[in-house]
Protein backbone atom coordinates (compact mmCIF):
# COMPACT_ATOMS: atom_id res chain seq x y z
CA UNK A 1 0.00 0.00 0.00
CA UNK A 2 1.32 3.45 -0.90
CA UNK A 3 1.50 5.64 2.19
CA UNK A 4 3.28 8.73 0.80
CA UNK A 5 6.51 7.83 2.58
CA UNK A 6 8.23 11.04 1.48
CA UNK A 7 5.70 13.08 3.44
CA UNK A 8 6.32 11.01 6.56
CA UNK A 9 10.05 11.57 6.04
CA UNK A 10 9.41 15.31 5.76
CA UNK A 11 7.40 15.17 8.97
CA UNK A 12 10.20 13.37 10.81
CA UNK A 13 12.79 15.89 9.61
CA UNK A 14 10.58 18.80 10.63
CA UNK A 15 9.88 17.38 14.10
CA UNK A 16 13.57 16.60 14.65
CA UNK A 17 14.54 20.18 13.79
CA UNK A 18 11.96 21.59 16.20
CA UNK A 19 13.11 19.30 19.02
CA UNK A 20 16.75 20.18 18.33
CA UNK A 21 16.07 23.86 19.00
CA UNK A 22 13.40 23.38 21.69
CA UNK A 23 13.31 19.91 23.29
CA UNK A 24 10.12 20.58 25.24
CA UNK A 25 8.18 22.21 22.41
CA UNK A 26 5.78 19.39 21.55
CA UNK A 27 5.21 18.41 25.19
CA UNK A 28 4.13 21.95 26.02
CA UNK A 29 2.15 22.33 22.78
CA UNK A 30 0.16 19.16 23.46
CA UNK A 31 -1.00 20.45 26.84
CA UNK A 32 -2.44 23.80 25.84
CA UNK A 33 -3.83 25.91 23.02
CA UNK A 34 -3.75 29.62 23.70
CA UNK A 35 -3.61 31.58 20.42
CA UNK A 36 -4.32 35.30 20.26
CA UNK A 37 -5.31 35.17 16.60
CA UNK A 38 -7.98 33.59 14.42
CA UNK A 39 -7.05 33.52 10.73
CA UNK A 40 -9.85 33.18 8.17
CA UNK A 41 -8.20 32.70 4.82
CA UNK A 42 -8.44 31.07 1.43
CA UNK A 43 -7.79 27.36 0.91
CA UNK A 44 -5.18 28.23 -1.73
CA UNK A 45 -2.04 26.17 -1.15
CA UNK A 46 0.16 29.20 -1.83
CA UNK A 47 -1.02 31.04 1.27
CA UNK A 48 0.21 29.11 4.33
CA UNK A 49 -1.19 31.07 7.25
CA UNK A 50 1.46 30.43 9.91
CA UNK A 51 4.38 30.99 7.57
CA UNK A 52 2.98 34.20 6.08
CA UNK A 53 2.97 35.91 9.48
CA UNK A 54 5.89 34.00 10.95
CA UNK A 55 4.12 32.18 13.79
CA UNK A 56 4.83 28.72 15.16
CA UNK A 57 2.16 26.04 15.71
CA UNK A 58 -0.10 26.89 18.63
CA UNK A 59 -0.08 30.63 17.96
CA UNK A 60 -2.74 30.80 15.25
CA UNK A 61 -6.24 29.30 15.07
CA UNK A 62 -7.16 28.79 11.40
CA UNK A 63 -10.22 28.42 9.21
CA UNK A 64 -9.86 28.30 5.43
CA UNK A 65 -12.29 28.00 2.52
CA UNK A 66 -12.52 29.00 -1.12
CA UNK A 67 -12.23 32.82 -1.40
CA UNK A 68 -12.10 33.32 2.41
CA UNK A 69 -15.85 33.77 2.82
CA UNK A 70 -17.79 34.27 6.05
CA UNK A 71 -21.39 33.29 5.33
CA UNK A 72 -24.09 33.42 7.97
CA UNK A 73 -25.39 29.97 7.03
CA UNK A 74 -21.96 28.32 7.11
CA UNK A 75 -22.02 26.45 10.42
CA UNK A 76 -18.43 25.30 9.99
CA UNK A 77 -17.07 28.83 9.81
CA UNK A 78 -19.41 30.13 12.52
CA UNK A 79 -18.44 27.26 14.83
CA UNK A 80 -14.77 28.11 14.38
CA UNK A 81 -15.45 31.77 15.15
CA UNK A 82 -17.49 30.91 18.24
CA UNK A 83 -14.88 28.51 19.59
CA UNK A 84 -12.12 31.03 18.94
CA UNK A 85 -13.99 33.91 20.57
CA UNK A 86 -15.88 32.21 23.41
CA UNK A 87 -13.45 29.45 24.38
CA UNK A 88 -9.98 30.45 23.22
CA UNK A 89 -10.64 34.16 23.83
CA UNK A 90 -8.66 35.27 20.79
CA UNK A 91 -7.99 38.98 20.65
CA UNK A 92 -7.83 39.32 16.87
CA UNK A 93 -9.78 37.90 13.95
CA UNK A 94 -7.95 38.31 10.65
CA UNK A 95 -9.71 37.90 7.30
CA UNK A 96 -6.98 37.52 4.70
CA UNK A 97 -7.66 37.32 0.99
CA UNK A 98 -5.00 37.17 -1.68
CA UNK A 99 -4.37 38.51 -5.15
CA UNK A 100 -4.47 35.83 -7.81
CA UNK A 101 -7.32 34.04 -6.03
CA UNK A 102 -8.86 31.40 -8.31
CA UNK A 103 -12.21 31.70 -6.55
CA UNK A 104 -12.37 35.41 -7.25
CA UNK A 105 -11.39 34.88 -10.87
CA UNK A 106 -14.04 32.18 -11.30
CA UNK A 107 -16.68 34.49 -9.82
CA UNK A 108 -15.79 37.19 -12.33
CA UNK A 109 -16.16 35.12 -15.49
CA UNK A 110 -19.36 33.85 -17.08
CA UNK A 111 -18.37 30.19 -17.21
CA UNK A 112 -19.84 27.29 -15.27
CA UNK A 113 -17.50 25.59 -12.81
CA UNK A 114 -19.81 23.05 -11.18
CA UNK A 115 -20.93 22.88 -7.57
CA UNK A 116 -18.60 25.68 -6.53
CA UNK A 117 -20.69 28.17 -8.51
CA UNK A 118 -23.23 28.08 -5.66
CA UNK A 119 -20.53 29.04 -3.18
CA UNK A 120 -19.13 31.75 -5.44
CA UNK A 121 -22.54 33.41 -5.70
CA UNK A 122 -21.50 35.25 -2.54
CA UNK A 123 -18.49 36.75 -4.32
CA UNK A 124 -20.67 37.64 -7.31
CA UNK A 125 -22.98 39.45 -4.88
CA UNK A 126 -20.02 41.52 -3.65
CA UNK A 127 -19.28 42.47 -7.25
CA UNK A 128 -22.93 43.32 -7.91
CA UNK A 129 -23.20 45.51 -4.80
CA UNK A 130 -20.05 47.45 -5.70
CA UNK A 131 -20.28 47.32 -9.48
CA UNK A 132 -20.10 51.11 -9.70
CA UNK A 133 -16.52 50.98 -8.39
CA UNK A 134 -15.32 49.04 -11.44
CA UNK A 135 -14.26 51.19 -14.39
CA UNK A 136 -14.26 50.14 -18.04
CA UNK A 137 -10.71 51.50 -18.30
CA UNK A 138 -9.45 49.11 -15.64
CA UNK A 139 -7.50 46.06 -16.73
CA UNK A 140 -8.75 42.61 -15.79
CA UNK A 141 -5.91 42.37 -13.26
CA UNK A 142 -6.93 45.66 -11.64
CA UNK A 143 -10.56 44.54 -11.44
CA UNK A 144 -9.50 41.24 -9.92
CA UNK A 145 -7.39 42.95 -7.25
CA UNK A 146 -10.20 45.36 -6.43
CA UNK A 147 -12.71 42.53 -6.03
CA UNK A 148 -10.24 40.64 -3.82
CA UNK A 149 -10.08 43.68 -1.55
CA UNK A 150 -13.81 44.42 -1.56
CA UNK A 151 -14.53 40.78 -0.82
CA UNK A 152 -12.29 40.89 2.27
CA UNK A 153 -13.99 44.05 3.52
CA UNK A 154 -17.39 42.42 3.02
CA UNK A 155 -16.32 39.42 5.09
CA UNK A 156 -15.08 41.71 7.87
CA UNK A 157 -18.53 43.27 7.82
CA UNK A 158 -20.13 39.82 8.01
CA UNK A 159 -18.00 38.85 11.00
CA UNK A 160 -18.78 42.07 12.83
CA UNK A 161 -22.51 41.40 12.42
CA UNK A 162 -22.43 37.89 13.86
CA UNK A 163 -24.06 37.53 17.27
CA UNK A 164 -20.78 35.96 18.41
CA UNK A 165 -18.76 39.11 17.89
CA UNK A 166 -21.58 41.47 18.82
CA UNK A 167 -22.07 39.67 22.15
CA UNK A 168 -18.32 39.63 22.83
CA UNK A 169 -18.14 43.39 22.37
CA UNK A 170 -21.24 43.88 24.49
CA UNK A 171 -19.56 41.91 27.28
CA UNK A 172 -16.47 44.11 27.06
CA UNK A 173 -14.24 41.41 25.57
CA UNK A 174 -11.13 42.66 23.81
CA UNK A 175 -11.62 41.69 20.17
CA UNK A 176 -10.47 43.34 16.95
CA UNK A 177 -11.45 42.27 13.41
CA UNK A 178 -8.93 42.97 10.63
CA UNK A 179 -9.05 42.85 6.83
CA UNK A 180 -5.86 42.06 4.94
CA UNK A 181 -4.82 40.88 1.51
CA UNK A 182 -1.71 38.89 0.61
CA UNK A 183 0.30 39.56 -2.53
CA UNK A 184 1.58 36.26 -3.92
CA UNK A 185 4.08 37.95 -6.21
CA UNK A 186 6.04 39.69 -3.45
CA UNK A 187 5.07 37.71 -0.36
CA UNK A 188 3.80 40.73 1.55
CA UNK A 189 0.55 41.58 3.33
CA UNK A 190 -1.51 44.71 2.74
CA UNK A 191 -3.68 46.21 5.48
CA UNK A 192 -7.02 47.28 3.97
CA UNK A 193 -7.83 49.69 6.81
CA UNK A 194 -10.79 47.49 7.75
CA UNK A 195 -9.95 47.28 11.43
CA UNK A 196 -12.98 47.16 13.75
CA UNK A 197 -12.74 46.89 17.54
CA UNK A 198 -16.22 47.78 18.83
CA UNK A 199 -19.90 48.03 17.91
CA UNK A 200 -19.58 51.80 17.72
CA UNK A 201 -16.64 51.60 15.34
CA UNK A 202 -18.49 49.02 13.25
CA UNK A 203 -21.51 51.31 12.96
CA UNK A 204 -19.40 54.32 12.05
CA UNK A 205 -17.26 52.60 9.44
CA UNK A 206 -19.81 50.38 7.74
CA UNK A 207 -22.96 52.44 8.13
CA UNK A 208 -21.22 55.55 6.87
CA UNK A 209 -19.35 53.54 4.21
CA UNK A 210 -15.99 54.83 5.42
CA UNK A 211 -14.17 51.62 4.50
CA UNK A 212 -15.93 50.97 1.21
CA UNK A 213 -15.53 54.56 0.04
CA UNK A 214 -11.74 54.23 0.35
CA UNK A 215 -11.92 52.08 -2.80
CA UNK A 216 -13.84 54.56 -4.93
């Protein structure tokens, strides 16, 4: 039976290197989970969450799906958010999209892609809501990057409107929601100025369109 031996070899080499520098690392890691951050990102294999922000295992709670969406009917994503906020008491929720996202590109074309088209309807809705921000003079690459950014901001909005986050803020819990995008071509993150730390800030930024208008 083929068991992907090379991956087990990679695992052994990785574990040996960790133990060499910190002999008690895995013993301590196995006994506790106390991350300050929840990362909601895309499933794309080119965006490894821990490596992108330079954190070791145990420092980052992660949920990933196609096009980094936060949908109010997605019990998987909502369960992750609730566990992170209510149990782990994370202080930061980071929504991170990335340029070159295949999900975003698929949502922008008029082709059928199968079952995933139902999921990508949510990205198409972001495009429809903000269609006036797309100019005929823009290149396809520029439109793609803009939709990547607008999609992240929309997911930040969705997170802020969950009862999980609203209740945490109401209880005085320290919790900040961030919107970032990762540039595959240079390996760097971009802050989209979609940082929300309270119900009042959420109302001011989203109700007055402060964040969205920064893309006009």
